[in-house]
Amino acid sequence: MSTMLDIQGLTKQFGQFTAVDDVSFSVAAGEVLGFLGPNGSGKSTTMKMVTGFLTPTAGTAIVCGSDVTRDPIAVKRHIGYLPEGAPLYEDMTPSGMLSFVADVRRLSGAQRRNGIDNAVDKLQLNEVFNQQIGTLSKGFKRRVGLAQAILHDPDVLILDEPTDGLDPNQKHHVRQLIADMSKDKVIVISTHVLEEVDAVCSRAIVIARGKMIADGTPADLERRSTYYNAVSVRLHRDHVDTLKEALGGISDIERIETGEHVGDTAHVVVVSKNGATIIETVNARMSDRSITIEQLYVERGRLEDVFRQLTGDEQGENA
């Protein structure tokens, strides 16, 4: 796979405040990268520098061979960008908005017609195509924003919170669209919604306080969770104490967590030490005590747990 996006030492300072601090990474064609971080971590600022909306204090981004600090117009030709909040001209219709964007991008003839038709079809905008954008729902506005981003069939697609405001069916549709488009493109999804990573990303980078602190596949990150290889058990609430007694003294068990009861069913999570494999031992102990269970499975790890571990309690506004 060829590298289409190469970030080198990207840094942005606002006075004495460093919003993005020496961030470097590369993304190859076919990758869907989740760019994760709490509010205020530097996600949006990084994306704005990559797309040429902000000038870096130091470092640069190379997009399909063009340097954003030296040739920003060439970079913009290769990039489709959905900013956070999907700012739109609300007095326009989707028809007018897409025509305007096509003009800005100097699309003409069959390329223009096909670009608009393709974007409208993929984002299912036909029913609101001639309706004033200001009257549309938040979900439709988001879809219009995404339509303008893919209008020119870009090589690199930068999406800032792409499913914000969408209902579950719309989210599923957009995620499927991202998967379909990712085969020959670079797609970067800036988000704090971990569900997005599980759903569409092949790789994830975590940023906090402007610094990159993790880079790997979702499975790599899940293995860093304290719940990696934990055993989840659903059983009758009357058997919880028996289960805890049965598992007493096992050296590879860190702790046993009991969730809330739902009716007569209890959920118990047996957390292993350092991700040790404990399923066979747990299963054997339950069998010895003739404990009847409703469900038993091994957890692969929890991204939200890793996210909290890596980012701590960082708070703030979107950077």
Protein backbone atom coordinates (compact mmCIF):
# COMPACT_ATOMS: atom_id res chain seq x y z
CA MET A 1 0.00 0.00 0.00
CA SER A 2 1.31 3.47 -0.91
CA THR A 3 1.48 6.27 1.64
CA MET A 4 -0.98 9.02 0.72
CA LEU A 5 -0.87 11.06 3.92
CA ASP A 6 2.41 11.74 5.74
CA ILE A 7 2.28 13.97 8.86
CA GLN A 8 5.69 15.23 9.96
CA GLY A 9 6.27 16.96 13.31
CA LEU A 10 2.99 18.88 13.13
CA THR A 11 2.82 21.54 15.85
CA LYS A 12 0.40 24.40 16.53
CA GLN A 13 0.80 27.06 19.17
CA PHE A 14 -1.68 29.77 20.12
CA GLY A 15 0.44 32.23 22.08
CA GLN A 16 1.93 30.27 24.98
CA PHE A 17 -0.54 27.39 24.55
CA THR A 18 0.55 24.37 22.51
CA ALA A 19 -2.58 22.79 21.03
CA VAL A 20 -0.74 20.18 18.92
CA ASP A 21 2.75 19.06 19.92
CA ASP A 22 5.07 17.38 17.38
CA VAL A 23 2.57 14.90 15.91
CA SER A 24 3.87 12.50 13.22
CA PHE A 25 2.21 9.56 11.47
CA SER A 26 1.62 8.14 7.99
CA VAL A 27 -1.50 6.64 6.45
CA ALA A 28 -1.60 4.34 3.41
CA ALA A 29 -4.29 3.83 0.81
CA GLY A 30 -6.99 1.47 2.08
CA GLU A 31 -6.65 2.50 5.74
CA VAL A 32 -9.49 3.97 7.78
CA LEU A 33 -7.80 5.79 10.64
CA GLY A 34 -9.67 6.71 13.80
CA PHE A 35 -8.10 9.86 15.27
CA LEU A 36 -9.24 9.74 18.88
CA GLY A 37 -9.02 12.04 21.83
CA PRO A 38 -11.07 13.84 24.49
CA ASN A 39 -12.53 17.26 23.81
CA GLY A 40 -9.66 19.75 23.78
CA SER A 41 -7.00 17.16 22.91
CA GLY A 42 -5.98 18.71 19.57
CA LYS A 43 -7.93 16.50 17.15
CA SER A 44 -9.74 19.20 15.23
CA THR A 45 -6.71 21.51 15.23
CA THR A 46 -4.63 18.73 13.65
CA MET A 47 -7.27 18.12 10.97
CA LYS A 48 -7.47 21.86 10.21
CA MET A 49 -3.70 21.97 9.65
CA VAL A 50 -3.75 18.88 7.44
CA THR A 51 -6.49 20.43 5.27
CA GLY A 52 -4.83 23.85 5.08
CA PHE A 53 -7.37 25.75 7.18
CA LEU A 54 -4.72 26.52 9.81
CA THR A 55 -1.03 27.18 9.23
CA PRO A 56 1.25 24.95 11.35
CA THR A 57 3.68 26.58 13.76
CA ALA A 58 6.09 23.80 12.82
CA GLY A 59 6.07 20.63 10.75
CA THR A 60 3.91 19.85 7.76
CA ALA A 61 1.59 17.38 6.07
CA ILE A 62 2.36 15.71 2.74
CA VAL A 63 -0.83 14.76 0.88
CA CYS A 64 -0.38 12.63 -2.25
CA GLY A 65 3.11 14.11 -2.67
CA SER A 66 2.15 17.78 -2.10
CA ASP A 67 3.24 19.80 0.95
CA VAL A 68 0.38 21.67 2.63
CA THR A 69 2.72 24.49 3.71
CA ARG A 70 4.23 24.97 0.22
CA ASP A 71 1.40 24.00 -2.12
CA PRO A 72 -1.91 24.19 -0.21
CA ILE A 73 -4.04 24.40 -3.38
CA ALA A 74 -2.65 21.11 -4.70
CA VAL A 75 -3.31 19.51 -1.31
CA LYS A 76 -6.93 20.71 -1.32
CA ARG A 77 -7.49 19.10 -4.73
CA HIS A 78 -6.73 15.71 -3.17
CA ILE A 79 -8.71 16.23 0.05
CA GLY A 80 -12.39 16.03 0.90
CA TYR A 81 -13.16 17.63 4.27
CA LEU A 82 -16.17 17.44 6.55
CA PRO A 83 -15.50 19.93 9.37
CA GLU A 84 -16.91 19.55 12.85
CA GLY A 85 -20.51 20.77 12.92
CA ALA A 86 -20.79 20.61 9.11
CA PRO A 87 -21.08 24.39 8.52
CA LEU A 88 -23.36 25.03 5.54
CA TYR A 89 -25.05 27.93 3.74
CA GLU A 90 -28.50 27.51 5.23
CA ASP A 91 -30.24 29.76 2.69
CA MET A 92 -29.13 27.40 -0.10
CA THR A 93 -30.68 24.11 -1.11
CA PRO A 94 -28.56 20.92 -1.33
CA SER A 95 -28.80 21.37 -5.11
CA GLY A 96 -27.43 24.90 -4.91
CA MET A 97 -24.81 23.98 -2.32
CA LEU A 98 -23.40 21.10 -4.36
CA SER A 99 -23.42 23.21 -7.53
CA PHE A 100 -21.52 25.93 -5.67
CA VAL A 101 -18.94 23.44 -4.38
CA ALA A 102 -18.58 21.99 -7.89
CA ASP A 103 -17.85 25.52 -9.16
CA VAL A 104 -15.27 26.12 -6.45
CA ARG A 105 -13.57 22.84 -7.36
CA ARG A 106 -13.78 23.72 -11.06
CA LEU A 107 -15.70 20.62 -12.01
CA SER A 108 -17.42 20.75 -15.38
CA GLY A 109 -19.24 18.61 -17.92
CA ALA A 110 -19.67 14.91 -17.19
CA GLN A 111 -17.33 15.09 -14.18
CA ARG A 112 -19.58 17.71 -12.58
CA ARG A 113 -22.85 15.90 -13.34
CA ASN A 114 -21.51 12.53 -12.25
CA GLY A 115 -19.98 13.98 -9.07
CA ILE A 116 -23.25 15.60 -7.97
CA ASP A 117 -25.40 12.60 -8.95
CA ASN A 118 -23.05 10.20 -7.17
CA ALA A 119 -22.95 12.26 -3.96
CA VAL A 120 -26.75 12.71 -3.90
CA ASP A 121 -27.30 9.01 -4.50
CA LYS A 122 -24.78 7.82 -1.90
CA LEU A 123 -26.08 10.17 0.80
CA GLN A 124 -29.75 9.62 -0.13
CA LEU A 125 -30.51 13.33 -0.58
CA ASN A 126 -33.06 13.09 -3.41
CA GLU A 127 -36.08 13.84 -1.21
CA VAL A 128 -34.56 17.08 0.13
CA PHE A 129 -32.50 18.06 -2.92
CA ASN A 130 -34.46 21.28 -3.52
CA GLN A 131 -35.38 22.05 0.10
CA GLN A 132 -33.74 24.96 1.92
CA ILE A 133 -30.87 23.64 4.04
CA GLY A 134 -31.93 25.73 7.05
CA THR A 135 -35.16 23.74 7.25
CA LEU A 136 -33.45 20.33 7.23
CA SER A 137 -32.93 18.07 10.23
CA LYS A 138 -29.49 17.84 11.80
CA GLY A 139 -29.05 14.42 10.22
CA PHE A 140 -29.80 15.67 6.71
CA LYS A 141 -27.49 18.66 7.20
CA ARG A 142 -24.72 16.26 8.15
CA ARG A 143 -25.37 14.25 5.02
CA VAL A 144 -25.23 17.37 2.84
CA GLY A 145 -21.89 18.18 4.47
CA LEU A 146 -20.59 14.72 3.68
CA ALA A 147 -21.92 14.95 0.11
CA GLN A 148 -19.85 18.08 -0.57
CA ALA A 149 -16.78 16.33 0.86
CA ILE A 150 -16.99 13.40 -1.58
CA LEU A 151 -18.21 15.40 -4.59
CA HIS A 152 -14.83 15.38 -6.41
CA ASP A 153 -13.94 11.77 -5.47
CA PRO A 154 -10.96 12.77 -3.28
CA ASP A 155 -7.96 10.56 -2.55
CA VAL A 156 -7.91 11.59 1.12
CA LEU A 157 -11.11 12.08 3.10
CA ILE A 158 -10.95 13.92 6.44
CA LEU A 159 -14.14 13.52 8.49
CA ASP A 160 -14.61 15.32 11.81
CA GLU A 161 -17.35 13.52 13.79
CA PRO A 162 -19.05 12.22 10.59
CA THR A 163 -22.05 10.54 12.27
CA ASP A 164 -22.82 13.32 14.75
CA GLY A 165 -26.58 13.93 14.75
CA LEU A 166 -27.46 10.85 12.73
CA ASP A 167 -30.02 8.28 13.85
CA PRO A 168 -28.97 4.59 14.10
CA ASN A 169 -30.09 3.78 10.53
CA GLN A 170 -28.28 6.80 9.11
CA LYS A 171 -25.14 5.92 11.09
CA HIS A 172 -25.19 2.41 9.65
CA HIS A 173 -25.57 3.81 6.13
CA VAL A 174 -22.69 6.30 6.50
CA ARG A 175 -20.43 3.66 8.04
CA GLN A 176 -21.15 1.32 5.13
CA LEU A 177 -20.39 4.17 2.74
CA ILE A 178 -17.05 4.78 4.47
CA ALA A 179 -16.19 1.08 4.22
CA ASP A 180 -17.09 1.03 0.52
CA MET A 181 -15.02 4.14 -0.26
CA SER A 182 -11.98 3.06 1.75
CA LYS A 183 -10.64 0.49 -0.69
CA ASP A 184 -8.44 2.95 -2.60
CA LYS A 185 -8.52 6.03 -0.38
CA VAL A 186 -7.19 7.28 2.92
CA ILE A 187 -10.02 8.07 5.33
CA VAL A 188 -9.33 9.81 8.63
CA ILE A 189 -12.16 10.01 11.15
CA SER A 190 -11.60 12.47 13.98
CA THR A 191 -13.85 11.51 16.87
CA HIS A 192 -14.26 10.94 20.59
CA VAL A 193 -16.97 8.32 19.95
CA LEU A 194 -15.30 4.94 20.44
CA GLU A 195 -18.20 3.19 18.74
CA GLU A 196 -16.89 4.62 15.45
CA VAL A 197 -13.58 2.81 15.86
CA ASP A 198 -15.22 -0.56 16.40
CA ALA A 199 -17.56 0.03 13.47
CA VAL A 200 -15.29 1.25 10.66
CA CYS A 201 -11.64 1.83 11.57
CA SER A 202 -8.73 -0.43 10.66
CA ARG A 203 -6.35 1.61 12.83
CA ALA A 204 -6.57 4.10 15.67
CA ILE A 205 -4.38 6.89 16.98
CA VAL A 206 -5.03 8.41 20.41
CA ILE A 207 -4.07 12.01 21.11
CA ALA A 208 -4.23 13.79 24.47
CA ARG A 209 -3.02 17.26 25.45
CA GLY A 210 -1.75 17.70 21.91
CA LYS A 211 0.54 14.64 21.97
CA MET A 212 0.17 11.26 20.29
CA ILE A 213 0.05 8.58 22.98
CA ALA A 214 -1.01 5.43 21.11
CA ASP A 215 -1.09 4.05 17.57
CA GLY A 216 -2.33 0.60 16.56
CA THR A 217 -5.20 -1.50 15.32
CA PRO A 218 -8.39 -1.56 17.42
CA ALA A 219 -7.38 -5.09 18.50
CA ASP A 220 -3.95 -3.77 19.61
CA LEU A 221 -5.64 -1.15 21.78
CA GLU A 222 -8.15 -3.63 23.20
CA ARG A 223 -5.28 -5.82 24.39
CA ARG A 224 -4.19 -2.92 26.60
CA SER A 225 -7.51 -2.99 28.43
CA THR A 226 -7.73 -4.30 31.99
CA TYR A 227 -10.68 -6.35 30.68
CA TYR A 228 -8.67 -8.16 28.00
CA ASN A 229 -9.36 -11.91 28.46
CA ALA A 230 -11.83 -11.18 31.28
CA VAL A 231 -14.61 -13.75 31.56
CA SER A 232 -18.20 -12.47 31.57
CA VAL A 233 -20.80 -14.71 33.17
CA ARG A 234 -24.59 -14.37 33.29
CA LEU A 235 -26.25 -16.58 35.87
CA HIS A 236 -29.03 -16.67 38.45
CA ARG A 237 -28.51 -14.07 41.15
CA ASP A 238 -28.70 -16.75 43.85
CA HIS A 239 -25.52 -18.38 42.47
CA VAL A 240 -23.26 -15.31 42.55
CA ASP A 241 -21.81 -15.99 46.01
CA THR A 242 -21.21 -19.62 45.09
CA LEU A 243 -19.36 -18.50 41.99
CA LYS A 244 -17.16 -16.13 43.97
CA GLU A 245 -16.31 -18.89 46.46
CA ALA A 246 -15.51 -21.30 43.64
CA LEU A 247 -13.05 -18.85 42.08
CA GLY A 248 -11.31 -17.97 45.33
CA GLY A 249 -7.57 -18.50 45.47
CA ILE A 250 -6.91 -18.51 41.72
CA SER A 251 -3.70 -16.53 41.28
CA ASP A 252 -4.46 -15.30 37.76
CA ILE A 253 -7.69 -13.59 38.84
CA GLU A 254 -7.32 -9.88 39.66
CA ARG A 255 -10.88 -9.27 40.90
CA ILE A 256 -14.52 -10.20 40.41
CA GLU A 257 -17.00 -7.46 39.49
CA THR A 258 -20.75 -7.83 39.97
CA GLY A 259 -23.06 -5.71 37.86
CA GLU A 260 -26.67 -4.77 38.50
CA HIS A 261 -29.27 -7.52 38.62
CA VAL A 262 -31.88 -7.65 35.86
CA GLY A 263 -34.76 -9.65 37.27
CA ASP A 264 -33.26 -12.88 38.56
CA THR A 265 -30.19 -12.64 36.31
CA ALA A 266 -26.84 -11.30 37.48
CA HIS A 267 -23.83 -10.27 35.38
CA VAL A 268 -20.42 -11.10 36.81
CA VAL A 269 -17.07 -10.15 35.23
CA VAL A 270 -13.99 -12.11 36.26
CA VAL A 271 -10.98 -9.89 35.54
CA SER A 272 -7.65 -11.62 34.95
CA LYS A 273 -4.22 -10.38 36.01
CA ASN A 274 -2.21 -8.90 33.15
CA GLY A 275 -4.54 -10.37 30.52
CA ALA A 276 -3.88 -13.99 31.52
CA THR A 277 -6.10 -16.64 29.92
CA ILE A 278 -8.47 -17.86 32.65
CA ILE A 279 -11.49 -19.20 30.79
CA GLU A 280 -10.63 -22.89 31.20
CA THR A 281 -9.92 -22.50 34.92
CA VAL A 282 -13.12 -20.52 35.50
CA ASN A 283 -15.18 -23.02 33.51
CA ALA A 284 -13.71 -25.97 35.40
CA ARG A 285 -14.40 -24.42 38.82
CA MET A 286 -18.02 -23.71 37.86
CA SER A 287 -18.44 -27.25 36.58
CA ASP A 288 -17.04 -28.66 39.83
CA ARG A 289 -19.63 -26.68 41.81
CA SER A 290 -22.45 -27.50 39.33
CA ILE A 291 -23.13 -23.80 38.81
CA THR A 292 -25.70 -23.31 36.06
CA ILE A 293 -25.01 -20.35 33.78
CA GLU A 294 -27.03 -18.56 31.10
CA GLN A 295 -24.09 -17.13 29.18
CA LEU A 296 -20.30 -17.30 29.27
CA TYR A 297 -17.83 -15.49 27.02
CA VAL A 298 -14.31 -14.10 26.96
CA GLU A 299 -14.03 -10.33 26.55
CA ARG A 300 -11.68 -9.00 23.89
CA GLY A 301 -11.02 -5.81 25.88
CA ARG A 302 -12.87 -2.53 26.14
CA LEU A 303 -11.80 0.52 24.14
CA GLU A 304 -13.47 2.89 26.59
CA ASP A 305 -11.33 1.40 29.37
CA VAL A 306 -8.14 1.93 27.33
CA PHE A 307 -9.26 5.44 26.39
CA ARG A 308 -9.67 6.37 30.07
CA GLN A 309 -6.31 4.81 30.96
CA LEU A 310 -4.50 6.74 28.24
CA THR A 311 -6.19 10.11 28.51
CA GLY A 312 -6.99 10.32 32.22
CA ASP A 313 -9.59 12.90 33.18
CA GLU A 314 -8.65 15.47 30.54
CA GLN A 315 -11.43 17.98 30.06
CA GLY A 316 -11.85 21.03 27.91
CA GLU A 317 -13.41 22.49 24.83
CA ASN A 318 -12.83 21.15 21.32
CA ALA A 319 -9.44 22.22 20.05
